């Protein structure tokens, strides 16, 4: 599973996601920092299975809808540190396998999550 991390997501979450079986890329290491949301979303749709972001614009499914192949995970954890993100991801994954999130919008909080079609 290929995962793209937005520039607002700490790159330090990469080892956790790799341990979960992900091939992780960060916007900064791909020289995509500062890219506008639309073109970044197009890249994510084309090349990735999961896109993790703290950018609230991506929670709008009318502007950035999940596709059959892309899951958008909006991280609404405060503060968005490696520890809080990892805790939220562990909570979600322990309840719902990643395969069942495919093609959905997931709004992830530290202790809860919502899944939208």
Protein backbone atom coordinates (compact mmCIF):
# COMPACT_ATOMS: atom_id res chain seq x y z
CA UNK A 1 0.00 0.00 0.00
CA UNK A 2 1.37 3.36 -1.03
CA UNK A 3 0.93 6.25 1.38
CA UNK A 4 1.47 9.94 0.71
CA UNK A 5 1.99 12.26 3.68
CA UNK A 6 1.11 15.91 3.20
CA UNK A 7 3.76 18.44 4.22
CA UNK A 8 1.75 19.25 7.36
CA UNK A 9 2.12 15.66 8.64
CA UNK A 10 5.31 14.93 10.62
CA UNK A 11 7.68 12.80 8.57
CA UNK A 12 8.52 10.98 11.82
CA UNK A 13 5.30 8.95 11.51
CA UNK A 14 6.89 7.09 8.59
CA UNK A 15 8.40 4.18 10.62
CA UNK A 16 5.01 3.39 12.18
CA UNK A 17 3.31 3.34 8.77
CA UNK A 18 6.09 1.23 7.26
CA UNK A 19 5.68 -1.26 10.11
CA UNK A 20 1.99 -1.45 9.15
CA UNK A 21 3.05 -2.44 5.63
CA UNK A 22 3.07 0.92 3.91
CA UNK A 23 5.43 2.32 1.31
CA UNK A 24 5.51 5.88 2.60
CA UNK A 25 6.40 9.07 0.75
CA UNK A 26 6.38 12.58 2.18
CA UNK A 27 5.57 15.65 0.09
CA UNK A 28 8.84 17.30 1.17
CA UNK A 29 11.02 14.38 0.03
CA UNK A 30 9.24 14.38 -3.34
CA UNK A 31 9.98 18.11 -3.81
CA UNK A 32 6.25 18.87 -3.83
CA UNK A 33 6.26 21.30 -0.89
CA UNK A 34 4.04 24.30 -1.46
CA UNK A 35 2.06 22.62 -4.22
CA UNK A 36 -1.57 23.73 -4.42
CA UNK A 37 -4.15 21.28 -3.09
CA UNK A 38 -5.76 20.44 -6.45
CA UNK A 39 -2.59 19.28 -8.22
CA UNK A 40 -1.40 17.49 -5.06
CA UNK A 41 -4.72 15.67 -4.84
CA UNK A 42 -4.40 14.65 -8.50
CA UNK A 43 -0.97 13.13 -7.80
CA UNK A 44 -2.35 11.30 -4.75
CA UNK A 45 -5.28 9.91 -6.79
CA UNK A 46 -3.00 8.69 -9.52
CA UNK A 47 -0.18 7.11 -7.51
CA UNK A 48 -1.27 6.40 -3.93
CA UNK A 49 -3.71 4.32 -1.88
CA UNK A 50 -3.76 6.62 1.18
CA UNK A 51 -3.27 10.35 1.59
CA UNK A 52 -2.78 11.66 5.14
CA UNK A 53 -3.20 15.35 5.86
CA UNK A 54 -4.07 17.85 8.57
CA UNK A 55 -5.24 20.36 5.94
CA UNK A 56 -8.94 20.93 6.65
CA UNK A 57 -9.66 21.58 2.98
CA UNK A 58 -9.24 17.88 2.23
CA UNK A 59 -12.13 16.96 4.52
CA UNK A 60 -14.51 18.43 1.94
CA UNK A 61 -15.62 15.40 -0.11
CA UNK A 62 -17.18 17.63 -2.77
CA UNK A 63 -13.83 19.28 -3.54
CA UNK A 64 -11.61 16.27 -2.81
CA UNK A 65 -13.72 13.12 -2.98
CA UNK A 66 -12.26 9.77 -2.10
CA UNK A 67 -11.98 7.59 -5.18
CA UNK A 68 -12.32 3.81 -5.47
CA UNK A 69 -8.54 3.62 -5.10
CA UNK A 70 -7.68 6.56 -2.79
CA UNK A 71 -8.47 6.92 0.89
CA UNK A 72 -8.15 10.44 2.31
CA UNK A 73 -7.31 10.47 6.02
CA UNK A 74 -7.86 13.86 7.58
CA UNK A 75 -5.93 13.98 10.85
CA UNK A 76 -7.88 16.10 13.28
CA UNK A 77 -5.61 15.43 16.23
CA UNK A 78 -4.39 18.17 18.52
CA UNK A 79 -1.54 18.70 18.58
CA UNK A 80 -0.62 16.82 15.38
CA UNK A 81 2.50 15.21 16.81
CA UNK A 82 3.95 11.82 15.97
CA UNK A 83 2.58 10.45 19.24
CA UNK A 84 -0.99 11.74 18.82
CA UNK A 85 -1.17 10.70 15.17
CA UNK A 86 0.18 7.24 15.94
CA UNK A 87 -2.32 6.81 18.78
CA UNK A 88 -5.21 7.83 16.52
CA UNK A 89 -4.07 5.53 13.72
CA UNK A 90 -3.64 2.59 16.09
CA UNK A 91 -7.14 3.16 17.47
CA UNK A 92 -8.65 3.22 13.99
CA UNK A 93 -6.68 0.25 12.62
CA UNK A 94 -7.53 -1.86 15.68
CA UNK A 95 -11.23 -1.44 14.87
CA UNK A 96 -11.30 -1.31 11.08
CA UNK A 97 -8.80 -3.03 8.77
CA UNK A 98 -7.09 -0.66 6.34
CA UNK A 99 -8.56 -2.63 3.45
CA UNK A 100 -12.07 -1.61 4.58
CA UNK A 101 -11.13 2.08 4.47
CA UNK A 102 -10.31 1.93 0.77
CA UNK A 103 -11.95 4.70 -1.19
CA UNK A 104 -13.33 6.54 1.82
CA UNK A 105 -12.78 9.80 3.69
CA UNK A 106 -11.65 9.11 7.24
CA UNK A 107 -11.74 11.90 9.80
CA UNK A 108 -9.40 10.77 12.51
CA UNK A 109 -9.36 12.17 16.03
CA UNK A 110 -7.16 11.06 18.89
CA UNK A 111 -9.81 8.78 20.41
CA UNK A 112 -12.41 8.42 17.65
CA UNK A 113 -12.93 8.48 13.92
CA UNK A 114 -15.65 8.89 11.31
CA UNK A 115 -15.75 7.10 7.97
CA UNK A 116 -17.51 8.76 5.04
CA UNK A 117 -18.29 7.25 1.65
